[in-house]
Amino acid sequence: MKRIAFVGFLALVLFSCNKNQKASKKLDGTWDASKITLSIETGGGEVSFDALAIDPDAYGILSFTNCNLKSGDFCEASVDIKIADNHVNSNSEYRVIDDGTILVVKDSTGLNNIEIQELNDDFCKLYWIRDEGKITLELEKR
């Protein structure tokens, strides 16, 4: 009985790692933001807007290097996002966890857990909450 339980546990772990690796493989490459939605809580409720639609100079570029994820490993990534006077251009590290549903980005500010809402070979939708508000990135692969 213990042997069956162990084999089942091992299969579950390998299946989960496989989903994380598949997501990492799909992320590999350079992605251009097609939409950057910022949602900010105000006294009158939440206000959302697409930064790319209102700022012609705004852009977002994310690049991920494919690597074999092992438990606790991080891979290389870079982020270049400019909206109005705010510009973030940094090298980061990332890993995919929780069956390919969470992108963990490690940079100078610490760890950021970003929800992977959708990911296929040419489209990615990411969502996370920061102090400034909620951010949704829709990305298209180059």
Protein backbone atom coordinates (compact mmCIF):
# COMPACT_ATOMS: atom_id res chain seq x y z
CA MET A 1 0.00 0.00 0.00
CA LYS A 2 2.84 2.40 0.84
CA ARG A 3 4.42 1.62 -2.51
CA ILE A 4 1.21 2.51 -4.39
CA ALA A 5 0.89 5.76 -2.44
CA PHE A 6 4.53 6.64 -3.17
CA VAL A 7 4.15 5.92 -6.90
CA GLY A 8 0.99 8.07 -6.97
CA PHE A 9 2.78 10.91 -5.18
CA LEU A 10 5.76 10.66 -7.54
CA ALA A 11 3.47 10.76 -10.58
CA LEU A 12 1.72 13.86 -9.20
CA VAL A 13 5.05 15.63 -8.62
CA LEU A 14 6.33 14.77 -12.10
CA PHE A 15 3.05 15.87 -13.71
CA SER A 16 3.16 19.22 -11.86
CA CYS A 17 6.79 19.81 -12.82
CA ASN A 18 5.92 18.96 -16.40
CA LYS A 19 3.21 21.68 -16.49
CA ASN A 20 5.67 24.22 -15.07
CA GLN A 21 8.29 23.23 -17.67
CA LYS A 22 5.73 23.44 -20.50
CA ALA A 23 4.77 26.96 -19.42
CA SER A 24 8.45 27.95 -19.20
CA LYS A 25 9.01 26.60 -22.71
CA LYS A 26 6.04 28.60 -24.06
CA LEU A 27 7.34 31.77 -22.37
CA ASP A 28 10.75 31.40 -24.04
CA GLY A 29 11.40 34.38 -26.32
CA THR A 30 10.48 38.05 -26.59
CA TRP A 31 6.96 39.36 -26.02
CA ASP A 32 5.50 42.75 -26.94
CA ALA A 33 2.65 44.24 -24.92
CA SER A 34 -0.49 44.69 -27.00
CA LYS A 35 -2.43 46.01 -24.00
CA ILE A 36 -1.39 47.24 -20.54
CA THR A 37 -4.44 47.70 -18.36
CA LEU A 38 -3.97 49.60 -15.12
CA SER A 39 -6.74 49.55 -12.53
CA ILE A 40 -6.57 52.05 -9.69
CA GLU A 41 -8.88 52.27 -6.70
CA THR A 42 -10.27 55.77 -6.18
CA GLY A 43 -12.78 57.22 -3.73
CA GLY A 44 -15.51 56.67 -6.32
CA GLY A 45 -14.54 53.08 -7.19
CA GLU A 46 -12.08 51.42 -9.51
CA VAL A 47 -10.83 53.18 -12.64
CA SER A 48 -9.22 51.14 -15.43
CA PHE A 49 -7.45 52.27 -18.58
CA ASP A 50 -5.21 50.88 -21.31
CA ALA A 51 -1.89 52.73 -21.02
CA LEU A 52 -0.94 51.89 -24.62
CA ALA A 53 -4.16 53.44 -25.93
CA ILE A 54 -3.67 56.78 -24.16
CA ASP A 55 0.12 57.15 -24.39
CA PRO A 56 1.52 56.75 -27.93
CA ASP A 57 5.06 56.48 -26.55
CA ALA A 58 4.22 53.71 -24.06
CA TYR A 59 5.50 50.19 -24.64
CA GLY A 60 6.21 46.93 -22.88
CA ILE A 61 8.73 44.25 -23.80
CA LEU A 62 9.37 41.10 -21.79
CA SER A 63 11.99 38.50 -22.66
CA PHE A 64 12.37 35.04 -21.15
CA THR A 65 15.12 32.50 -21.66
CA ASN A 66 14.05 28.88 -21.79
CA CYS A 67 15.67 26.62 -19.27
CA ASN A 68 15.05 23.36 -17.52
CA LEU A 69 13.29 24.20 -14.31
CA LYS A 70 14.43 22.27 -11.32
CA SER A 71 13.00 22.70 -7.86
CA GLY A 72 13.79 26.24 -6.75
CA ASP A 73 15.69 27.20 -9.92
CA PHE A 74 15.26 30.59 -11.56
CA CYS A 75 15.81 31.44 -15.22
CA GLU A 76 16.84 34.73 -16.85
CA ALA A 77 14.33 37.37 -17.92
CA SER A 78 14.30 41.05 -18.82
CA VAL A 79 11.59 43.67 -18.51
CA ASP A 80 11.40 46.97 -20.40
CA ILE A 81 8.17 48.88 -19.77
CA LYS A 82 7.60 52.60 -20.29
CA ILE A 83 4.37 54.39 -19.43
CA ALA A 84 4.42 58.21 -19.33
CA ASP A 85 7.35 59.22 -17.11
CA ASN A 86 7.71 55.76 -15.56
CA HIS A 87 10.31 53.51 -17.10
CA VAL A 88 11.36 50.09 -15.83
CA ASN A 89 14.26 48.44 -17.61
CA SER A 90 15.80 45.60 -15.66
CA ASN A 91 17.19 42.13 -15.79
CA SER A 92 15.29 39.71 -13.62
CA GLU A 93 14.94 36.05 -12.91
CA TYR A 94 11.79 33.98 -13.16
CA ARG A 95 10.33 30.57 -12.53
CA VAL A 96 6.93 29.02 -13.11
CA ILE A 97 5.09 27.29 -10.26
CA ASP A 98 1.65 25.95 -9.30
CA ASP A 99 1.07 23.79 -12.38
CA GLY A 100 2.05 26.58 -14.77
CA THR A 101 -0.35 29.18 -13.34
CA ILE A 102 2.04 31.47 -11.41
CA LEU A 103 5.04 33.35 -12.78
CA VAL A 104 7.44 34.26 -9.97
CA VAL A 105 9.69 37.18 -10.94
CA LYS A 106 12.70 37.97 -8.78
CA ASP A 107 14.21 41.44 -9.18
CA SER A 108 15.76 44.16 -7.03
CA THR A 109 12.40 44.75 -5.29
CA GLY A 110 12.04 41.11 -4.25
CA LEU A 111 9.69 38.37 -5.43
CA ASN A 112 6.54 39.15 -7.39
CA ASN A 113 3.89 36.46 -7.94
CA ILE A 114 2.11 37.08 -11.23
CA GLU A 115 -0.91 35.07 -12.29
CA ILE A 116 -0.68 33.50 -15.74
CA GLN A 117 -4.28 33.86 -16.89
CA GLU A 118 -3.64 32.62 -20.42
CA LEU A 119 -0.60 31.24 -22.21
CA ASN A 120 -0.23 29.69 -25.62
CA ASP A 121 2.45 29.78 -28.31
CA ASP A 122 1.79 33.38 -29.39
CA PHE A 123 -0.34 35.04 -26.68
CA CYS A 124 0.12 35.55 -22.95
CA LYS A 125 -2.05 37.32 -20.39
CA LEU A 126 -0.54 38.17 -17.00
CA TYR A 127 -2.23 39.71 -13.96
CA TRP A 128 -0.89 40.97 -10.66
CA ILE A 129 -1.65 43.36 -7.85
CA ARG A 130 0.86 45.98 -6.77
CA ASP A 131 0.70 48.84 -4.29
CA GLU A 132 -0.16 51.19 -7.17
CA GLY A 133 -3.08 49.02 -8.32
CA LYS A 134 -3.87 46.04 -10.51
CA ILE A 135 -2.00 45.40 -13.73
CA THR A 136 -3.00 43.19 -16.65
CA LEU A 137 -0.52 42.65 -19.46
CA GLU A 138 -1.59 41.16 -22.77
CA LEU A 139 1.46 40.07 -24.72
CA GLU A 140 2.10 38.85 -28.26
CA LYS A 141 5.17 36.84 -29.13
CA ARG A 142 7.57 38.26 -31.70
